[in-house]
C-alpha cells in the first residue's frame, strides 16, 4: 500500500477487482436478475435523462415535485426516475451497473460513500464548465461540503443537500426551562460544555414534568456513531485512517466522549436505553423536551407539534462540528459517454438544484446556496434556524469502507451500545473501537 489511490482509468479487470472488494466488504451481492433492467439505461430515447435514487415516501414525492418544477429549465428533455431500495442493495446495484458501463445517466449517492466509488473508476467526473453554463458554480456550495466532492483535482459529486444530526425541542418547554434567547431560538451557550449540557437536560425535565433529552440508539446501526463522531470532532482530536493502519486517534478524548454519552442516557433526567422509534415517540408525545436526531425527522415531529423548534447540534467540546451527510448527484461510469446525453444530465442537475426550496420543506438543507439565501427560505421554520450547521459539518471519514449504511457504522455503534447499554468502561470501549478501525484498515482498498 502506498496510500495513493490508483488513477481513474478505462474499464477493465482493475475495476472488476475493485468492485469485488467493495462487495466483499459486506454488501449483499444481487443476482443477475436484479440487474436485468440496467441495460436499458443507455437505451433511453434522446430526450430522457435517467435518474436512479433511493427516495421513497415523502421524500420521493418531493423529488417528483422538483422534477416537475425543473421542466421549464430543461426544454426538450425529461427526467425519468428509478427508485431503488435504500442501503446496501442500492449501492451494490449502482456499483455493478457502473462497473459494466450500464448505469443511468445520473444517480443519487451519499457523499460519505464517494471514497468507495470515485477512486475505483466507478464514477465519471463532472464538467464544471457545463454546469456554469446553467448557473451552477463551485462558489454556490458551502466549503465544508464541497471539499468532499473532490478526488485528484476533479469533482465527482454535486451536492443536493446537507442532512445534519441536530437537536429538536418543544419551544414552550424550552422557554419554561430558561433555554431560549430573546429571539426565541435555542440558547447554544446553555449547552456549551458537558456539564452545562447535562444541566440543561435537568431543566428540560423539570419544565416538561417528565424527562429532558431523548436519544434513541439501542439496536440502531448508526445513531451511536453519529452522536459520537460529531462530539469527538468537537474535541479537536485526531482521526486519521491511513491505508493499512494503524488508526491515528486520541483514545483519551474518545473515552471522554463515550463517558459523556453514557451520562446522557443514564436515566436520571433523560430516558435511558431507548431504541430509535421509542425515542421518536417519546419526543412526539411530549414526554421529553428535546431529542438528538437527524433533520430528516422534521415531518414526523411537525405532525405532532406544528411549532417544533430545531437548532444545530450544540458545540459541547469547544470546536464547532456537526455530524452530517449529503445526498449528491453522481455520474455512473460509462466507457464512451455520449456528449449530448452528458450535456442533458448536467442541465437536469442544475435545474433540480434550483428547485431546492421544495426539497427544503422536508427539513434537508439545500446545498445550492442561492436557495438558502432567499427570503422564502428564511421564512421556513425551523429549517432556517439550523441552516448554519452546513458550515461546520463533518462527514464520515473519507475511506472506502465508511459511509451511510456501511458495516463500519454498524461496527462502531455496536461497541458504543456495549458502553451505553451494558456498562463497558469508556476507556475499554475506546480501545475496542480502535481495534475495529484497524481491522477495517487492514482490508485491501478497492483503489
Protein backbone atom coordinates (compact mmCIF):
# COMPACT_ATOMS: atom_id res chain seq x y z
CA UNK A 1 0.00 0.00 0.00
CA UNK A 2 1.37 3.40 -0.97
CA UNK A 3 -1.52 5.43 0.42
CA UNK A 4 -2.06 6.97 -3.06
CA UNK A 5 -5.22 5.76 -4.81
CA UNK A 6 -4.87 4.39 -8.31
CA UNK A 7 -5.88 6.84 -11.04
CA UNK A 8 -9.28 6.63 -12.60
CA UNK A 9 -8.82 4.65 -15.80
CA UNK A 10 -10.76 2.87 -18.50
CA UNK A 11 -13.00 -0.06 -17.62
CA UNK A 12 -11.32 -3.39 -17.33
CA UNK A 13 -10.04 -6.02 -14.92
CA UNK A 14 -8.90 -3.47 -12.31
CA UNK A 15 -12.40 -2.06 -11.94
CA UNK A 16 -13.83 -5.56 -11.72
CA UNK A 17 -11.41 -6.46 -8.92
CA UNK A 18 -12.26 -3.19 -7.17
CA UNK A 19 -15.94 -3.96 -7.39
CA UNK A 20 -15.35 -7.40 -5.94
CA UNK A 21 -13.62 -5.79 -2.97
CA UNK A 22 -16.50 -3.36 -2.44
CA UNK A 23 -18.93 -6.26 -2.38
CA UNK A 24 -16.70 -8.32 -0.12
CA UNK A 25 -16.79 -5.52 2.48
CA UNK A 26 -20.25 -6.65 3.50
CA UNK A 27 -22.59 -5.81 0.64
CA UNK A 28 -25.10 -8.43 -0.34
CA UNK A 29 -24.42 -9.43 -3.94
CA UNK A 30 -27.55 -9.23 -6.04
CA UNK A 31 -28.35 -11.91 -8.58
CA UNK A 32 -28.20 -11.32 -12.30
CA UNK A 33 -31.95 -10.87 -12.36
CA UNK A 34 -31.65 -7.78 -10.20
CA UNK A 35 -29.64 -6.12 -12.95
CA UNK A 36 -31.94 -7.09 -15.78
CA UNK A 37 -33.10 -3.53 -16.23
CA UNK A 38 -29.67 -1.90 -16.13
CA UNK A 39 -29.01 -2.36 -19.81
CA UNK A 40 -31.94 -0.14 -20.66
CA UNK A 41 -30.33 2.87 -19.01
CA UNK A 42 -28.43 3.75 -22.17
CA UNK A 43 -31.22 2.68 -24.49
CA UNK A 44 -33.48 5.57 -23.49
CA UNK A 45 -34.70 7.98 -26.14
CA UNK A 46 -32.70 11.10 -26.84
CA UNK A 47 -34.91 13.31 -24.67
CA UNK A 48 -34.68 11.26 -21.46
CA UNK A 49 -32.34 11.74 -18.51
CA UNK A 50 -32.34 8.53 -16.46
CA UNK A 51 -32.01 9.09 -12.71
CA UNK A 52 -31.52 6.41 -10.08
CA UNK A 53 -32.31 7.39 -6.50
CA UNK A 54 -33.28 5.91 -3.13
CA UNK A 55 -36.07 8.31 -2.14
CA UNK A 56 -39.40 6.78 -1.29
CA UNK A 57 -42.27 8.07 0.83
CA UNK A 58 -42.50 11.80 1.42
CA UNK A 59 -39.01 12.47 0.05
CA UNK A 60 -39.88 10.62 -3.13
CA UNK A 61 -42.97 12.77 -3.55
CA UNK A 62 -40.94 15.93 -3.08
CA UNK A 63 -38.41 14.81 -5.68
CA UNK A 64 -41.28 14.29 -8.11
CA UNK A 65 -42.35 17.87 -7.39
CA UNK A 66 -38.80 19.04 -8.07
CA UNK A 67 -38.73 17.17 -11.37
CA UNK A 68 -41.91 18.98 -12.40
CA UNK A 69 -40.53 22.33 -11.24
CA UNK A 70 -37.33 21.73 -13.24
CA UNK A 71 -39.07 21.21 -16.58
CA UNK A 72 -39.00 24.87 -17.71
CA UNK A 73 -35.20 24.88 -17.31
CA UNK A 74 -34.70 21.80 -19.46
CA UNK A 75 -36.90 22.17 -22.57
CA UNK A 76 -36.91 19.23 -24.94
CA UNK A 77 -35.88 16.68 -22.29
CA UNK A 78 -37.35 14.96 -19.27
CA UNK A 79 -36.17 13.16 -16.14
CA UNK A 80 -37.19 9.55 -15.62
CA UNK A 81 -36.72 8.28 -12.07
CA UNK A 82 -35.97 4.72 -10.97
CA UNK A 83 -36.36 4.28 -7.20
CA UNK A 84 -34.28 1.51 -5.64
CA UNK A 85 -34.05 0.09 -2.11
CA UNK A 86 -32.07 2.20 0.37
CA UNK A 87 -28.76 1.00 1.73
CA UNK A 88 -26.61 -1.96 0.68
CA UNK A 89 -28.93 -3.11 -2.15
CA UNK A 90 -28.81 0.35 -3.73
CA UNK A 91 -25.05 0.76 -3.56
CA UNK A 92 -24.42 -2.79 -4.72
CA UNK A 93 -26.56 -2.32 -7.78
CA UNK A 94 -25.04 1.09 -8.53
CA UNK A 95 -21.51 -0.35 -8.29
CA UNK A 96 -22.31 -3.34 -10.51
CA UNK A 97 -24.06 -1.24 -13.13
CA UNK A 98 -21.23 1.30 -13.18
CA UNK A 99 -18.57 -1.41 -13.44
CA UNK A 100 -20.32 -2.73 -16.53
CA UNK A 101 -20.91 0.71 -18.03
CA UNK A 102 -24.65 0.11 -17.81
CA UNK A 103 -25.67 2.66 -15.20
CA UNK A 104 -28.16 5.50 -15.56
CA UNK A 105 -27.27 9.00 -16.74
CA UNK A 106 -27.29 10.33 -13.16
CA UNK A 107 -27.61 8.75 -9.72
CA UNK A 108 -28.01 9.89 -6.15
CA UNK A 109 -25.30 8.81 -3.71
CA UNK A 110 -24.44 9.76 -0.17
CA UNK A 111 -21.31 11.89 -0.16
CA UNK A 112 -19.94 9.68 2.60
CA UNK A 113 -19.79 6.78 0.11
CA UNK A 114 -17.79 8.68 -2.50
CA UNK A 115 -14.40 7.35 -1.35
CA UNK A 116 -15.51 3.84 -2.28
CA UNK A 117 -16.55 4.83 -5.81
CA UNK A 118 -14.53 7.69 -7.31
CA UNK A 119 -11.03 6.17 -6.82
CA UNK A 120 -12.12 2.86 -8.37
CA UNK A 121 -13.34 4.36 -11.63
CA UNK A 122 -16.97 3.60 -10.89
CA UNK A 123 -17.87 7.26 -11.40
CA UNK A 124 -17.05 9.88 -14.01
CA UNK A 125 -16.14 13.48 -13.19
CA UNK A 126 -18.48 16.41 -13.62
CA UNK A 127 -17.72 19.16 -16.12
CA UNK A 128 -17.90 22.36 -14.07
CA UNK A 129 -17.87 24.49 -17.21
CA UNK A 130 -21.07 22.83 -18.39
CA UNK A 131 -22.71 23.37 -15.01
CA UNK A 132 -21.61 27.01 -15.08
CA UNK A 133 -23.49 27.43 -18.36
CA UNK A 134 -26.64 26.71 -16.35
CA UNK A 135 -25.82 28.99 -13.43
CA UNK A 136 -24.24 26.49 -11.03
CA UNK A 137 -20.70 27.04 -9.75
CA UNK A 138 -18.33 25.96 -7.04
CA UNK A 139 -18.97 29.15 -5.00
CA UNK A 140 -22.64 28.19 -4.68
CA UNK A 141 -21.78 25.48 -2.12
CA UNK A 142 -20.51 25.53 1.46
CA UNK A 143 -16.79 24.81 1.73
CA UNK A 144 -17.25 22.02 4.27
CA UNK A 145 -19.49 20.09 1.88
CA UNK A 146 -17.70 20.92 -1.38
CA UNK A 147 -14.37 19.69 -0.03
CA UNK A 148 -15.70 16.14 -0.05
CA UNK A 149 -16.70 16.26 -3.73
CA UNK A 150 -13.08 16.25 -4.88
CA UNK A 151 -10.76 13.45 -5.94
CA UNK A 152 -7.44 14.14 -7.63
CA UNK A 153 -8.45 17.64 -8.55
CA UNK A 154 -11.74 16.70 -10.20
CA UNK A 155 -15.33 16.93 -8.99
CA UNK A 156 -17.15 13.62 -8.62
CA UNK A 157 -20.29 14.72 -6.77
CA UNK A 158 -22.64 17.68 -6.91
CA UNK A 159 -24.34 18.14 -3.52
CA UNK A 160 -28.14 18.24 -3.45
CA UNK A 161 -28.37 18.84 0.30
CA UNK A 162 -26.80 18.59 3.69
CA UNK A 163 -28.70 16.50 6.21
CA UNK A 164 -27.19 17.05 9.66
CA UNK A 165 -27.65 15.49 13.07
CA UNK A 166 -29.31 18.27 15.08
CA UNK A 167 -31.49 18.90 18.13
CA UNK A 168 -35.27 19.28 18.08
CA UNK A 169 -37.09 20.84 21.01
CA UNK A 170 -40.56 21.91 22.12
CA UNK A 171 -40.33 25.73 22.31
CA UNK A 172 -42.74 26.11 25.22
CA UNK A 173 -40.88 23.55 27.33
CA UNK A 174 -37.51 25.08 26.41
CA UNK A 175 -38.84 28.53 27.31
CA UNK A 176 -40.06 27.33 30.70
CA UNK A 177 -36.61 25.81 31.24
CA UNK A 178 -34.97 29.17 30.50
CA UNK A 179 -33.13 27.81 27.47
CA UNK A 180 -34.28 30.23 24.76
CA UNK A 181 -32.71 33.51 23.69
CA UNK A 182 -34.63 36.77 23.35
CA UNK A 183 -35.46 35.98 19.72
CA UNK A 184 -36.99 32.63 20.67
CA UNK A 185 -34.17 30.39 19.43
CA UNK A 186 -32.24 27.85 21.45
CA UNK A 187 -29.54 29.28 23.71
CA UNK A 188 -26.45 27.44 22.48
CA UNK A 189 -24.40 28.76 25.41
CA UNK A 190 -26.57 26.76 27.80
CA UNK A 191 -25.28 23.55 26.15
CA UNK A 192 -21.65 24.64 25.64
CA UNK A 193 -19.92 22.10 27.89
CA UNK A 194 -20.69 18.57 29.08
CA UNK A 195 -21.78 19.85 32.49
CA UNK A 196 -23.94 22.61 31.00
CA UNK A 197 -25.50 20.18 28.54
CA UNK A 198 -26.48 17.80 31.32
CA UNK A 199 -27.74 20.67 33.48
CA UNK A 200 -29.90 21.86 30.58
CA UNK A 201 -31.31 18.36 30.36
CA UNK A 202 -32.28 18.53 34.02
CA UNK A 203 -34.01 21.87 33.46
CA UNK A 204 -35.91 20.44 30.49
CA UNK A 205 -37.02 17.53 32.66
CA UNK A 206 -38.34 19.92 35.32
CA UNK A 207 -40.17 22.01 32.72
CA UNK A 208 -41.70 19.01 30.97
CA UNK A 209 -42.64 17.33 34.24
CA UNK A 210 -41.25 14.11 32.78
CA UNK A 211 -37.83 13.80 31.16
CA UNK A 212 -35.34 16.04 29.44
CA UNK A 213 -33.46 14.82 26.36
CA UNK A 214 -34.22 11.71 24.32
CA UNK A 215 -31.68 9.79 22.26
CA UNK A 216 -32.62 6.57 20.50
CA UNK A 217 -29.68 4.27 19.82
CA UNK A 218 -30.48 0.75 21.02
CA UNK A 219 -30.36 -1.75 18.12
CA UNK A 220 -29.83 1.11 15.65
CA UNK A 221 -26.91 0.61 13.25
CA UNK A 222 -25.84 4.26 13.01
CA UNK A 223 -27.23 6.54 15.74
CA UNK A 224 -24.50 5.87 18.28
CA UNK A 225 -21.81 6.57 15.71
CA UNK A 226 -23.49 9.79 14.53
CA UNK A 227 -23.54 11.24 18.02
CA UNK A 228 -20.07 10.00 18.91
CA UNK A 229 -18.27 11.20 15.78
CA UNK A 230 -19.79 14.67 15.84
CA UNK A 231 -18.85 15.08 19.51
CA UNK A 232 -15.38 13.61 19.02
CA UNK A 233 -14.62 16.02 16.18
CA UNK A 234 -15.64 18.84 18.54
CA UNK A 235 -12.76 17.84 20.82
CA UNK A 236 -10.23 18.55 18.07
CA UNK A 237 -8.82 15.06 18.49
CA UNK A 238 -7.02 13.47 15.56
CA UNK A 239 -8.93 10.95 13.46
CA UNK A 240 -6.68 9.82 10.63
CA UNK A 241 -7.12 6.46 8.95
CA UNK A 242 -4.10 5.74 6.73
CA UNK A 243 -4.19 2.82 4.31
CA UNK A 244 -3.26 -0.36 6.15
CA UNK A 245 -3.48 1.33 9.56
CA UNK A 246 -2.99 1.78 12.36
CA UNK A 247 -5.63 4.38 13.13
CA UNK A 248 -4.26 7.67 14.43
CA UNK A 249 -6.75 8.77 17.09
CA UNK A 250 -6.82 10.22 20.60
CA UNK A 251 -8.07 7.37 22.79
CA UNK A 252 -8.40 9.60 25.86
CA UNK A 253 -10.69 12.02 24.04
CA UNK A 254 -12.68 9.13 22.61
CA UNK A 255 -13.20 7.83 26.15
CA UNK A 256 -14.20 11.31 27.33
CA UNK A 257 -16.91 11.50 24.67
CA UNK A 258 -18.18 8.00 25.43
CA UNK A 259 -18.39 8.81 29.14
CA UNK A 260 -20.44 11.90 28.32
CA UNK A 261 -22.76 9.92 26.06
CA UNK A 262 -23.33 7.43 28.87
CA UNK A 263 -24.44 10.26 31.16
CA UNK A 264 -26.97 11.44 28.56
CA UNK A 265 -28.74 8.07 28.75
CA UNK A 266 -28.22 7.28 32.44
CA UNK A 267 -31.95 7.52 33.15
CA UNK A 268 -31.65 10.26 35.78
CA UNK A 269 -33.13 13.16 33.84
CA UNK A 270 -33.22 11.66 30.36
CA UNK A 271 -34.78 8.43 29.13
CA UNK A 272 -32.33 5.55 29.26
CA UNK A 273 -31.74 2.94 26.58
CA UNK A 274 -34.38 3.90 24.03
CA UNK A 275 -34.48 2.37 20.59
CA UNK A 276 -34.90 4.71 17.66
CA UNK A 277 -38.68 4.54 17.30
CA UNK A 278 -39.24 4.79 21.07
CA UNK A 279 -37.18 7.98 21.21
CA UNK A 280 -39.15 9.46 18.31
CA UNK A 281 -42.41 8.60 20.06
CA UNK A 282 -41.23 9.99 23.42
CA UNK A 283 -40.48 13.38 21.89
CA UNK A 284 -43.54 13.47 19.62
CA UNK A 285 -45.73 12.69 22.64
CA UNK A 286 -44.05 15.46 24.67
CA UNK A 287 -42.59 13.02 27.19
CA UNK A 288 -39.25 14.75 26.62
CA UNK A 289 -38.42 18.38 25.92
CA UNK A 290 -35.66 17.67 23.39
CA UNK A 291 -34.37 14.92 21.12
CA UNK A 292 -31.00 14.33 19.45
CA UNK A 293 -31.80 13.20 15.93
CA UNK A 294 -31.45 13.86 12.22
CA UNK A 295 -33.23 16.70 10.47
CA UNK A 296 -34.96 14.07 8.33
CA UNK A 297 -37.44 13.55 11.20
CA UNK A 298 -38.83 17.09 10.87
CA UNK A 299 -42.01 15.94 9.16
CA UNK A 300 -42.74 13.42 11.91
CA UNK A 301 -42.26 15.96 14.67
CA UNK A 302 -44.12 18.77 12.95
CA UNK A 303 -47.13 16.49 12.54
CA UNK A 304 -47.19 16.13 16.33
CA UNK A 305 -46.27 19.76 17.15
CA UNK A 306 -46.58 22.39 14.44
CA UNK A 307 -44.37 24.73 16.45
CA UNK A 308 -41.47 22.32 16.93
CA UNK A 309 -38.11 24.04 17.22
CA UNK A 310 -34.71 22.95 15.93
CA UNK A 311 -31.10 24.08 16.12
CA UNK A 312 -27.63 22.95 15.03
CA UNK A 313 -26.10 20.42 17.38
CA UNK A 314 -24.55 22.46 20.22
CA UNK A 315 -20.78 22.84 20.48
CA UNK A 316 -20.20 20.85 23.65
CA UNK A 317 -16.43 20.28 23.42
CA UNK A 318 -15.13 23.60 22.13
CA UNK A 319 -14.80 23.18 18.34
CA UNK A 320 -17.91 23.65 16.17
CA UNK A 321 -18.65 20.35 14.39
CA UNK A 322 -21.96 18.84 13.32
CA UNK A 323 -22.22 15.28 12.07
CA UNK A 324 -23.90 15.16 8.67
CA UNK A 325 -24.08 13.55 5.28
CA UNK A 326 -25.07 14.86 1.88
CA UNK A 327 -27.28 13.42 -0.85
CA UNK A 328 -25.37 14.15 -4.03
CA UNK A 329 -25.62 13.69 -7.76
CA UNK A 330 -23.00 11.42 -9.33
CA UNK A 331 -22.26 10.28 -12.88
CA UNK A 332 -22.05 6.47 -13.07
CA UNK A 333 -19.14 5.44 -15.28
CA UNK A 334 -19.72 4.91 -18.98
CA UNK A 335 -16.80 3.82 -21.17
CA UNK A 336 -17.81 6.04 -24.08
CA UNK A 337 -20.41 8.56 -22.88
CA UNK A 338 -22.50 10.33 -25.47
CA UNK A 339 -21.66 14.06 -25.20
CA UNK A 340 -25.26 15.08 -25.84
CA UNK A 341 -26.54 12.79 -23.08
CA UNK A 342 -23.94 14.13 -20.67
CA UNK A 343 -24.89 17.69 -21.53
CA UNK A 344 -28.55 16.91 -20.80
CA UNK A 345 -27.52 15.33 -17.48
CA UNK A 346 -25.64 18.48 -16.45
CA UNK A 347 -28.59 20.67 -17.38
CA UNK A 348 -31.04 18.43 -15.49
CA UNK A 349 -28.99 18.51 -12.30
CA UNK A 350 -28.67 22.29 -12.47
CA UNK A 351 -32.43 22.55 -12.87
CA UNK A 352 -33.08 20.26 -9.89
CA UNK A 353 -30.69 22.23 -7.68
CA UNK A 354 -32.60 25.43 -8.47
CA UNK A 355 -35.79 23.72 -7.28
CA UNK A 356 -34.19 23.17 -3.86
CA UNK A 357 -36.81 25.22 -1.99
CA UNK A 358 -39.14 22.26 -2.49
CA UNK A 359 -36.55 19.88 -1.03
CA UNK A 360 -36.08 22.19 1.95
CA UNK A 361 -39.66 21.66 3.09
CA UNK A 362 -38.66 18.14 4.21
CA UNK A 363 -36.01 19.57 6.51
CA UNK A 364 -32.94 18.99 4.35
CA UNK A 365 -30.63 21.99 3.90
CA UNK A 366 -30.38 22.70 0.15
CA UNK A 367 -26.72 22.63 -0.83
CA UNK A 368 -27.21 25.17 -3.62
CA UNK A 369 -26.54 28.44 -1.82
CA UNK A 370 -28.79 30.74 -3.87
CA UNK A 371 -31.77 28.82 -2.45
CA UNK A 372 -30.86 29.26 1.22
CA UNK A 373 -30.16 32.95 0.69
CA UNK A 374 -33.73 33.72 -0.41
CA UNK A 375 -36.41 35.36 1.70
CA UNK A 376 -38.62 32.36 1.02
CA UNK A 377 -36.11 30.04 2.66
CA UNK A 378 -35.65 32.34 5.66
CA UNK A 379 -39.40 32.06 6.24
CA UNK A 380 -39.12 28.28 6.58
CA UNK A 381 -39.20 27.48 10.28
CA UNK A 382 -37.43 25.80 11.94
CA UNK A 383 -35.28 24.96 8.89
CA UNK A 384 -33.71 28.41 8.71
CA UNK A 385 -32.67 28.12 12.36
CA UNK A 386 -30.26 25.25 11.69
CA UNK A 387 -29.09 26.13 8.16
CA UNK A 388 -25.77 27.35 9.57
CA UNK A 389 -24.96 23.75 10.50
CA UNK A 390 -23.73 23.21 6.94
CA UNK A 391 -20.76 25.48 7.64
CA UNK A 392 -19.41 23.10 10.27
CA UNK A 393 -20.43 19.65 9.03
CA UNK A 394 -18.22 16.61 9.40
CA UNK A 395 -18.94 13.55 7.29
CA UNK A 396 -17.75 10.02 7.88
CA UNK A 397 -14.00 9.54 7.42
CA UNK A 398 -13.06 9.59 3.74
CA UNK A 399 -12.23 5.90 3.46
CA UNK A 400 -13.72 3.28 1.19
CA UNK A 401 -15.40 1.25 3.95
CA UNK A 402 -17.23 4.11 5.72
CA UNK A 403 -20.42 5.99 4.92
CA UNK A 404 -24.18 5.69 5.05
CA UNK A 405 -25.49 2.18 5.52
CA UNK A 406 -21.98 0.72 5.91
CA UNK A 407 -20.76 -2.17 8.03
CA UNK A 408 -18.33 0.36 9.53
CA UNK A 409 -21.09 2.46 11.12
CA UNK A 410 -22.71 -0.69 12.45
CA UNK A 411 -19.45 -1.96 13.95
CA UNK A 412 -18.77 1.34 15.71
CA UNK A 413 -22.34 1.57 17.00
CA UNK A 414 -22.15 -1.96 18.39
CA UNK A 415 -19.22 -1.01 20.61
CA UNK A 416 -20.94 2.18 21.70
CA UNK A 417 -24.03 0.18 22.63
CA UNK A 418 -21.88 -2.01 24.86
CA UNK A 419 -20.67 1.11 26.64
CA UNK A 420 -24.05 2.83 26.97
CA UNK A 421 -26.27 -0.20 27.45
CA UNK A 422 -24.05 -2.85 29.06
CA UNK A 423 -21.68 -0.70 31.11
CA UNK A 424 -18.43 -1.32 29.21
CA UNK A 425 -15.93 1.18 30.63
CA UNK A 426 -15.36 4.19 28.33
CA UNK A 427 -11.60 3.57 28.01
CA UNK A 428 -12.16 -0.07 27.12
CA UNK A 429 -14.85 0.92 24.62
CA UNK A 430 -12.50 3.42 23.01
CA UNK A 431 -9.78 0.78 22.63
CA UNK A 432 -12.34 -1.66 21.20
CA UNK A 433 -13.35 0.92 18.61
CA UNK A 434 -9.70 1.40 17.65
CA UNK A 435 -9.27 -2.35 17.21
CA UNK A 436 -12.24 -2.44 14.89
CA UNK A 437 -10.92 0.55 12.99
CA UNK A 438 -7.63 -1.26 12.46
CA UNK A 439 -9.46 -4.37 11.27
CA UNK A 440 -11.19 -2.33 8.58
CA UNK A 441 -7.95 -0.58 7.64
CA UNK A 442 -6.19 -3.91 7.23
CA UNK A 443 -8.60 -4.93 4.49
CA UNK A 444 -7.48 -4.22 0.92
CA UNK A 445 -8.79 -0.97 -0.50
CA UNK A 446 -10.71 -1.05 -3.79
CA UNK A 447 -8.30 1.63 -5.05
